[in-house]
PDB file of N, CA and C in Angstrom:
ATOM      1  N   MET A   1      -2.848  -0.793 -11.334  1.00  0.00           N
ATOM      2  CA  MET A   1      -1.765  -0.817 -10.373  1.00  0.00           C
ATOM      3  C   MET A   1      -0.923  -2.064 -10.599  1.00  0.00           C
ATOM      4  N   LYS A   2       0.372  -1.915 -10.289  1.00  0.00           N
ATOM      5  CA  LYS A   2       1.293  -3.036 -10.490  1.00  0.00           C
ATOM      6  C   LYS A   2       2.438  -2.948  -9.483  1.00  0.00           C
ATOM      7  N   VAL A   3       3.206  -4.019  -9.391  1.00  0.00           N
ATOM      8  CA  VAL A   3       4.371  -4.029  -8.510  1.00  0.00           C
ATOM      9  C   VAL A   3       5.292  -2.875  -8.895  1.00  0.00           C
ATOM     10  N   GLY A   4       5.751  -2.134  -7.885  1.00  0.00           N
ATOM     11  CA  GLY A   4       6.624  -0.991  -8.113  1.00  0.00           C
ATOM     12  C   GLY A   4       5.913   0.346  -8.069  1.00  0.00           C
ATOM     13  N   ASP A   5       4.580   0.339  -8.111  1.00  0.00           N
ATOM     14  CA  ASP A   5       3.824   1.591  -8.055  1.00  0.00           C
ATOM     15  C   ASP A   5       3.793   2.127  -6.629  1.00  0.00           C
ATOM     16  N   ILE A   6       3.790   3.452  -6.514  1.00  0.00           N
ATOM     17  CA  ILE A   6       3.638   4.119  -5.226  1.00  0.00           C
ATOM     18  C   ILE A   6       2.151   4.402  -5.046  1.00  0.00           C
ATOM     19  N   VAL A   7       1.622   3.989  -3.896  1.00  0.00           N
ATOM     20  CA  VAL A   7       0.197   4.119  -3.630  1.00  0.00           C
ATOM     21  C   VAL A   7      -0.042   4.720  -2.252  1.00  0.00           C
ATOM     22  N   GLU A   8      -1.266   5.219  -2.072  1.00  0.00           N
ATOM     23  CA  GLU A   8      -1.699   5.735  -0.776  1.00  0.00           C
ATOM     24  C   GLU A   8      -2.947   4.971  -0.361  1.00  0.00           C
ATOM     25  N   VAL A   9      -3.013   4.582   0.904  1.00  0.00           N
ATOM     26  CA  VAL A   9      -4.205   3.934   1.432  1.00  0.00           C
ATOM     27  C   VAL A   9      -5.272   5.009   1.608  1.00  0.00           C
ATOM     28  N   LYS A  10      -6.463   4.755   1.089  1.00  0.00           N
ATOM     29  CA  LYS A  10      -7.540   5.737   1.169  1.00  0.00           C
ATOM     30  C   LYS A  10      -7.918   6.004   2.627  1.00  0.00           C
ATOM     31  N   ASP A  11      -8.422   7.208   2.883  1.00  0.00           N
ATOM     32  CA  ASP A  11      -8.719   7.660   4.239  1.00  0.00           C
ATOM     33  C   ASP A  11      -9.737   6.792   4.969  1.00  0.00           C
ATOM     34  N   HIS A  12     -10.703   6.208   4.267  1.00  0.00           N
ATOM     35  CA  HIS A  12     -11.757   5.437   4.929  1.00  0.00           C
ATOM     36  C   HIS A  12     -11.284   4.058   5.406  1.00  0.00           C
ATOM     37  N   VAL A  13     -10.096   3.634   5.024  1.00  0.00           N
ATOM     38  CA  VAL A  13      -9.594   2.308   5.388  1.00  0.00           C
ATOM     39  C   VAL A  13      -9.067   2.333   6.827  1.00  0.00           C
ATOM     40  N   ASP A  14      -9.556   1.398   7.631  1.00  0.00           N
ATOM     41  CA  ASP A  14      -9.136   1.299   9.027  1.00  0.00           C
ATOM     42  C   ASP A  14      -7.828   0.524   9.104  1.00  0.00           C
ATOM     43  N   LEU A  15      -6.743   1.237   9.385  1.00  0.00           N
ATOM     44  CA  LEU A  15      -5.430   0.587   9.455  1.00  0.00           C
ATOM     45  C   LEU A  15      -5.286  -0.307  10.674  1.00  0.00           C
ATOM     46  N   ASN A  16      -6.195  -0.188  11.670  1.00  0.00           N
ATOM     47  CA  ASN A  16      -6.148  -1.091  12.818  1.00  0.00           C
ATOM     48  C   ASN A  16      -6.344  -2.533  12.386  1.00  0.00           C
ATOM     49  N   VAL A  17      -7.197  -2.767  11.391  1.00  0.00           N
ATOM     50  CA  VAL A  17      -7.418  -4.122  10.870  1.00  0.00           C
ATOM     51  C   VAL A  17      -6.136  -4.652  10.259  1.00  0.00           C
ATOM     52  N   HIS A  18      -5.451  -3.832   9.477  1.00  0.00           N
ATOM     53  CA  HIS A  18      -4.218  -4.250   8.831  1.00  0.00           C
ATOM     54  C   HIS A  18      -3.087  -4.395   9.841  1.00  0.00           C
ATOM     55  N   LYS A  19      -3.118  -3.593  10.891  1.00  0.00           N
ATOM     56  CA  LYS A  19      -2.117  -3.719  11.951  1.00  0.00           C
ATOM     57  C   LYS A  19      -2.211  -5.103  12.572  1.00  0.00           C
ATOM     58  N   PHE A  20      -3.427  -5.544  12.853  1.00  0.00           N
ATOM     59  CA  PHE A  20      -3.631  -6.866  13.452  1.00  0.00           C
ATOM     60  C   PHE A  20      -3.153  -7.967  12.515  1.00  0.00           C
ATOM     61  N   LEU A  21      -3.484  -7.836  11.240  1.00  0.00           N
ATOM     62  CA  LEU A  21      -3.106  -8.860  10.268  1.00  0.00           C
ATOM     63  C   LEU A  21      -1.600  -8.940  10.051  1.00  0.00           C
ATOM     64  N   SER A  22      -0.932  -7.796  10.095  1.00  0.00           N
ATOM     65  CA  SER A  22       0.498  -7.795   9.808  1.00  0.00           C
ATOM     66  C   SER A  22       1.355  -7.981  11.061  1.00  0.00           C
ATOM     67  N   LYS A  23       0.709  -7.926  12.243  1.00  0.00           N
ATOM     68  CA  LYS A  23       1.406  -8.137  13.519  1.00  0.00           C
ATOM     69  C   LYS A  23       2.608  -7.208  13.673  1.00  0.00           C
ATOM     70  N   THR A  24       2.413  -5.949  13.330  1.00  0.00           N
ATOM     71  CA  THR A  24       3.485  -4.967  13.450  1.00  0.00           C
ATOM     72  C   THR A  24       3.004  -3.783  14.264  1.00  0.00           C
ATOM     73  N   VAL A  25       3.885  -2.880  14.556  1.00  0.00           N
ATOM     74  CA  VAL A  25       3.543  -1.668  15.290  1.00  0.00           C
ATOM     75  C   VAL A  25       2.672  -0.778  14.413  1.00  0.00           C
ATOM     76  N   PHE A  26       1.642  -0.202  14.994  1.00  0.00           N
ATOM     77  CA  PHE A  26       0.741   0.669  14.236  1.00  0.00           C
ATOM     78  C   PHE A  26       1.509   1.854  13.663  1.00  0.00           C
ATOM     79  N   PRO A  27       1.316   2.138  12.381  1.00  0.00           N
ATOM     80  CA  PRO A  27       2.042   3.246  11.752  1.00  0.00           C
ATOM     81  C   PRO A  27       1.575   4.597  12.277  1.00  0.00           C
ATOM     82  N   GLN A  28       2.453   5.566  12.227  1.00  0.00           N
ATOM     83  CA  GLN A  28       2.094   6.921  12.632  1.00  0.00           C
ATOM     84  C   GLN A  28       1.066   7.481  11.668  1.00  0.00           C
ATOM     85  N   LYS A  29       0.261   8.392  12.172  1.00  0.00           N
ATOM     86  CA  LYS A  29      -0.717   9.053  11.314  1.00  0.00           C
ATOM     87  C   LYS A  29       0.012   9.736  10.166  1.00  0.00           C
ATOM     88  N   GLY A  30      -0.505   9.604   8.967  1.00  0.00           N
ATOM     89  CA  GLY A  30       0.126  10.191   7.797  1.00  0.00           C
ATOM     90  C   GLY A  30       1.045   9.224   7.069  1.00  0.00           C
ATOM     91  N   ALA A  31       1.309   8.074   7.679  1.00  0.00           N
ATOM     92  CA  ALA A  31       2.188   7.087   7.039  1.00  0.00           C
ATOM     93  C   ALA A  31       1.343   6.132   6.202  1.00  0.00           C
ATOM     94  N   ARG A  32       0.576   6.677   5.274  1.00  0.00           N
ATOM     95  CA  ARG A  32      -0.335   5.874   4.466  1.00  0.00           C
ATOM     96  C   ARG A  32       0.164   5.703   3.038  1.00  0.00           C
ATOM     97  N   VAL A  33       1.386   6.133   2.743  1.00  0.00           N
ATOM     98  CA  VAL A  33       1.951   6.027   1.400  1.00  0.00           C
ATOM     99  C   VAL A  33       2.997   4.914   1.418  1.00  0.00           C
ATOM    100  N   GLY A  34       2.895   3.998   0.445  1.00  0.00           N
ATOM    101  CA  GLY A  34       3.837   2.885   0.385  1.00  0.00           C
ATOM    102  C   GLY A  34       4.073   2.422  -1.038  1.00  0.00           C
ATOM    103  N   LEU A  35       4.805   1.329  -1.157  1.00  0.00           N
ATOM    104  CA  LEU A  35       5.217   0.767  -2.436  1.00  0.00           C
ATOM    105  C   LEU A  35       4.627  -0.630  -2.592  1.00  0.00           C
ATOM    106  N   ILE A  36       3.997  -0.901  -3.735  1.00  0.00           N
ATOM    107  CA  ILE A  36       3.451  -2.244  -3.994  1.00  0.00           C
ATOM    108  C   ILE A  36       4.610  -3.200  -4.250  1.00  0.00           C
ATOM    109  N   ILE A  37       4.655  -4.298  -3.477  1.00  0.00           N
ATOM    110  CA  ILE A  37       5.727  -5.275  -3.643  1.00  0.00           C
ATOM    111  C   ILE A  37       5.228  -6.629  -4.140  1.00  0.00           C
ATOM    112  N   ASP A  38       3.909  -6.848  -4.142  1.00  0.00           N
ATOM    113  CA  ASP A  38       3.360  -8.118  -4.625  1.00  0.00           C
ATOM    114  C   ASP A  38       1.886  -7.918  -4.932  1.00  0.00           C
ATOM    115  N   CYS A  39       1.330  -8.775  -5.784  1.00  0.00           N
ATOM    116  CA  CYS A  39      -0.107  -8.724  -6.054  1.00  0.00           C
ATOM    117  C   CYS A  39      -0.602 -10.110  -6.407  1.00  0.00           C
ATOM    118  N   GLN A  40      -1.896 -10.306  -6.201  1.00  0.00           N
ATOM    119  CA  GLN A  40      -2.507 -11.572  -6.595  1.00  0.00           C
ATOM    120  C   GLN A  40      -3.966 -11.338  -6.942  1.00  0.00           C
ATOM    121  N   GLU A  41      -4.446 -12.093  -7.946  1.00  0.00           N
ATOM    122  CA  GLU A  41      -5.839 -12.002  -8.339  1.00  0.00           C
ATOM    123  C   GLU A  41      -6.634 -12.975  -7.489  1.00  0.00           C
ATOM    124  N   MET A  42      -7.703 -12.486  -6.895  1.00  0.00           N
ATOM    125  CA  MET A  42      -8.535 -13.303  -6.034  1.00  0.00           C
ATOM    126  C   MET A  42      -9.568 -14.058  -6.880  1.00  0.00           C
ATOM    127  N   ALA A  43     -10.263 -14.992  -6.275  1.00  0.00           N
ATOM    128  CA  ALA A  43     -11.254 -15.808  -6.979  1.00  0.00           C
ATOM    129  C   ALA A  43     -12.384 -14.966  -7.569  1.00  0.00           C
ATOM    130  N   ASP A  44     -12.682 -13.824  -6.948  1.00  0.00           N
ATOM    131  CA  ASP A  44     -13.766 -12.966  -7.444  1.00  0.00           C
ATOM    132  C   ASP A  44     -13.329 -12.038  -8.578  1.00  0.00           C
ATOM    133  N   GLY A  45     -12.043 -12.131  -8.982  1.00  0.00           N
ATOM    134  CA  GLY A  45     -11.539 -11.336 -10.089  1.00  0.00           C
ATOM    135  C   GLY A  45     -10.899 -10.022  -9.680  1.00  0.00           C
ATOM    136  N   PHE A  46     -11.050  -9.641  -8.425  1.00  0.00           N
ATOM    137  CA  PHE A  46     -10.413  -8.429  -7.932  1.00  0.00           C
ATOM    138  C   PHE A  46      -8.980  -8.744  -7.505  1.00  0.00           C
ATOM    139  N   TYR A  47      -8.153  -7.712  -7.432  1.00  0.00           N
ATOM    140  CA  TYR A  47      -6.759  -7.885  -7.037  1.00  0.00           C
ATOM    141  C   TYR A  47      -6.541  -7.417  -5.615  1.00  0.00           C
ATOM    142  N   GLU A  48      -5.582  -8.049  -4.957  1.00  0.00           N
ATOM    143  CA  GLU A  48      -5.072  -7.581  -3.681  1.00  0.00           C
ATOM    144  C   GLU A  48      -3.594  -7.303  -3.860  1.00  0.00           C
ATOM    145  N   PHE A  49      -3.124  -6.262  -3.170  1.00  0.00           N
ATOM    146  CA  PHE A  49      -1.745  -5.822  -3.312  1.00  0.00           C
ATOM    147  C   PHE A  49      -1.068  -5.793  -1.952  1.00  0.00           C
ATOM    148  N   GLU A  50       0.162  -6.313  -1.898  1.00  0.00           N
ATOM    149  CA  GLU A  50       0.955  -6.182  -0.692  1.00  0.00           C
ATOM    150  C   GLU A  50       1.720  -4.875  -0.805  1.00  0.00           C
ATOM    151  N   VAL A  51       1.546  -4.038   0.197  1.00  0.00           N
ATOM    152  CA  VAL A  51       2.161  -2.715   0.195  1.00  0.00           C
ATOM    153  C   VAL A  51       3.121  -2.636   1.377  1.00  0.00           C
ATOM    154  N   ILE A  52       4.336  -2.176   1.102  1.00  0.00           N
ATOM    155  CA  ILE A  52       5.324  -2.016   2.160  1.00  0.00           C
ATOM    156  C   ILE A  52       5.415  -0.537   2.518  1.00  0.00           C
ATOM    157  N   PHE A  53       5.427  -0.294   3.826  1.00  0.00           N
ATOM    158  CA  PHE A  53       5.554   1.045   4.377  1.00  0.00           C
ATOM    159  C   PHE A  53       6.844   1.063   5.194  1.00  0.00           C
ATOM    160  N   GLU A  54       7.122   2.148   5.837  1.00  0.00           N
ATOM    161  CA  GLU A  54       8.313   2.218   6.680  1.00  0.00           C
ATOM    162  C   GLU A  54       8.062   1.394   7.948  1.00  0.00           C
ATOM    163  N   GLY A  55       8.670   0.226   8.031  1.00  0.00           N
ATOM    164  CA  GLY A  55       8.572  -0.603   9.225  1.00  0.00           C
ATOM    165  C   GLY A  55       7.438  -1.607   9.254  1.00  0.00           C
ATOM    166  N   TRP A  56       6.594  -1.657   8.235  1.00  0.00           N
ATOM    167  CA  TRP A  56       5.509  -2.645   8.222  1.00  0.00           C
ATOM    168  C   TRP A  56       4.989  -2.840   6.805  1.00  0.00           C
ATOM    169  N   SER A  57       4.233  -3.922   6.603  1.00  0.00           N
ATOM    170  CA  SER A  57       3.583  -4.174   5.309  1.00  0.00           C
ATOM    171  C   SER A  57       2.273  -4.894   5.564  1.00  0.00           C
ATOM    172  N   SER A  58       1.374  -4.827   4.584  1.00  0.00           N
ATOM    173  CA  SER A  58       0.096  -5.519   4.693  1.00  0.00           C
ATOM    174  C   SER A  58      -0.533  -5.626   3.304  1.00  0.00           C
ATOM    175  N   TRP A  59      -1.584  -6.439   3.215  1.00  0.00           N
ATOM    176  CA  TRP A  59      -2.324  -6.636   1.969  1.00  0.00           C
ATOM    177  C   TRP A  59      -3.553  -5.742   1.956  1.00  0.00           C
ATOM    178  N   PHE A  60      -3.849  -5.155   0.777  1.00  0.00           N
ATOM    179  CA  PHE A  60      -4.995  -4.279   0.598  1.00  0.00           C
ATOM    180  C   PHE A  60      -5.726  -4.642  -0.685  1.00  0.00           C
ATOM    181  N   ARG A  61      -7.048  -4.484  -0.681  1.00  0.00           N
ATOM    182  CA  ARG A  61      -7.837  -4.628  -1.901  1.00  0.00           C
ATOM    183  C   ARG A  61      -7.566  -3.441  -2.812  1.00  0.00           C
ATOM    184  N   ASP A  62      -7.724  -3.647  -4.103  1.00  0.00           N
ATOM    185  CA  ASP A  62      -7.459  -2.555  -5.052  1.00  0.00           C
ATOM    186  C   ASP A  62      -8.326  -1.334  -4.774  1.00  0.00           C
ATOM    187  N   LEU A  63      -9.526  -1.532  -4.268  1.00  0.00           N
ATOM    188  CA  LEU A  63     -10.422  -0.410  -3.991  1.00  0.00           C
ATOM    189  C   LEU A  63     -10.012   0.388  -2.758  1.00  0.00           C
ATOM    190  N   GLU A  64      -9.057  -0.113  -1.984  1.00  0.00           N
ATOM    191  CA  GLU A  64      -8.588   0.583  -0.784  1.00  0.00           C
ATOM    192  C   GLU A  64      -7.383   1.487  -1.063  1.00  0.00           C
ATOM    193  N   LEU A  65      -6.887   1.439  -2.297  1.00  0.00           N
ATOM    194  CA  LEU A  65      -5.663   2.164  -2.642  1.00  0.00           C
ATOM    195  C   LEU A  65      -5.900   3.179  -3.743  1.00  0.00           C
ATOM    196  N   ARG A  66      -5.069   4.203  -3.775  1.00  0.00           N
ATOM    197  CA  ARG A  66      -5.064   5.143  -4.897  1.00  0.00           C
ATOM    198  C   ARG A  66      -3.610   5.351  -5.318  1.00  0.00           C
ATOM    199  N   MET A  67      -3.405   5.477  -6.615  1.00  0.00           N
ATOM    200  CA  MET A  67      -2.060   5.680  -7.160  1.00  0.00           C
ATOM    201  C   MET A  67      -1.559   7.074  -6.817  1.00  0.00           C
ATOM    202  N   ILE A  68      -0.270   7.161  -6.541  1.00  0.00           N
ATOM    203  CA  ILE A  68       0.397   8.443  -6.349  1.00  0.00           C
ATOM    204  C   ILE A  68       1.239   8.677  -7.591  1.00  0.00           C
ATOM    205  N   ASP A  69       0.999   9.797  -8.251  1.00  0.00           N
ATOM    206  CA  ASP A  69       1.743  10.118  -9.465  1.00  0.00           C
ATOM    207  C   ASP A  69       3.019  10.856  -9.084  1.00  0.00           C
ATOM    208  N   VAL A  70       4.153  10.205  -9.288  1.00  0.00           N
ATOM    209  CA  VAL A  70       5.453  10.799  -8.975  1.00  0.00           C
ATOM    210  C   VAL A  70       6.240  10.909 -10.275  1.00  0.00           C
ATOM    211  N   PRO A  71       6.661  12.116 -10.649  1.00  0.00           N
ATOM    212  CA  PRO A  71       7.478  12.255 -11.861  1.00  0.00           C
ATOM    213  C   PRO A  71       8.729  11.386 -11.770  1.00  0.00           C
ATOM    214  N   ALA A  72       9.160  10.827 -12.887  1.00  0.00           N
ATOM    215  CA  ALA A  72      10.281   9.884 -12.910  1.00  0.00           C
ATOM    216  C   ALA A  72      11.545  10.445 -12.256  1.00  0.00           C
ATOM    217  N   GLN A  73      11.893  11.672 -12.531  1.00  0.00           N
ATOM    218  CA  GLN A  73      13.108  12.251 -11.962  1.00  0.00           C
ATOM    219  C   GLN A  73      12.998  12.362 -10.449  1.00  0.00           C
ATOM    220  N   GLU A  74      11.836  12.792  -9.957  1.00  0.00           N
ATOM    221  CA  GLU A  74      11.623  12.925  -8.522  1.00  0.00           C
ATOM    222  C   GLU A  74      11.665  11.559  -7.852  1.00  0.00           C
ATOM    223  N   ALA A  75      11.097  10.546  -8.467  1.00  0.00           N
ATOM    224  CA  ALA A  75      11.106   9.188  -7.905  1.00  0.00           C
ATOM    225  C   ALA A  75      12.532   8.669  -7.784  1.00  0.00           C
ATOM    226  N   ASP A  76      13.360   8.918  -8.779  1.00  0.00           N
ATOM    227  CA  ASP A  76      14.759   8.459  -8.729  1.00  0.00           C
ATOM    228  C   ASP A  76      15.514   9.106  -7.568  1.00  0.00           C
ATOM    229  N   GLU A  77      15.229  10.368  -7.310  1.00  0.00           N
ATOM    230  CA  GLU A  77      15.926  11.094  -6.250  1.00  0.00           C
ATOM    231  C   GLU A  77      15.476  10.675  -4.864  1.00  0.00           C
ATOM    232  N   SER A  78      14.185  10.330  -4.702  1.00  0.00           N
ATOM    233  CA  SER A  78      13.664  10.025  -3.370  1.00  0.00           C
ATOM    234  C   SER A  78      13.899   8.578  -2.960  1.00  0.00           C
ATOM    235  N   TRP A  79      14.077   7.656  -3.905  1.00  0.00           N
ATOM    236  CA  TRP A  79      14.265   6.252  -3.554  1.00  0.00           C
ATOM    237  C   TRP A  79      15.729   5.959  -3.671  1.00  0.00           C
TER     238      TRP A  79
END
């Protein structure tokens, strides 16, 4: 995963924790797809990614996310 990738937060991840950390309004159910806008490697060698959603953003571990495969033409039209 890298900056610019479209990702989905996995179902087992509790967004209430991220809501508290990001101090924003809790996202509507189904609003688990976002865009990676930043990343950093942690001391343990794993990466964390900042993901922006509609109206909020938060940091997630790489194991909490899955890539969304969007064909290039479709991505250009939707963004």
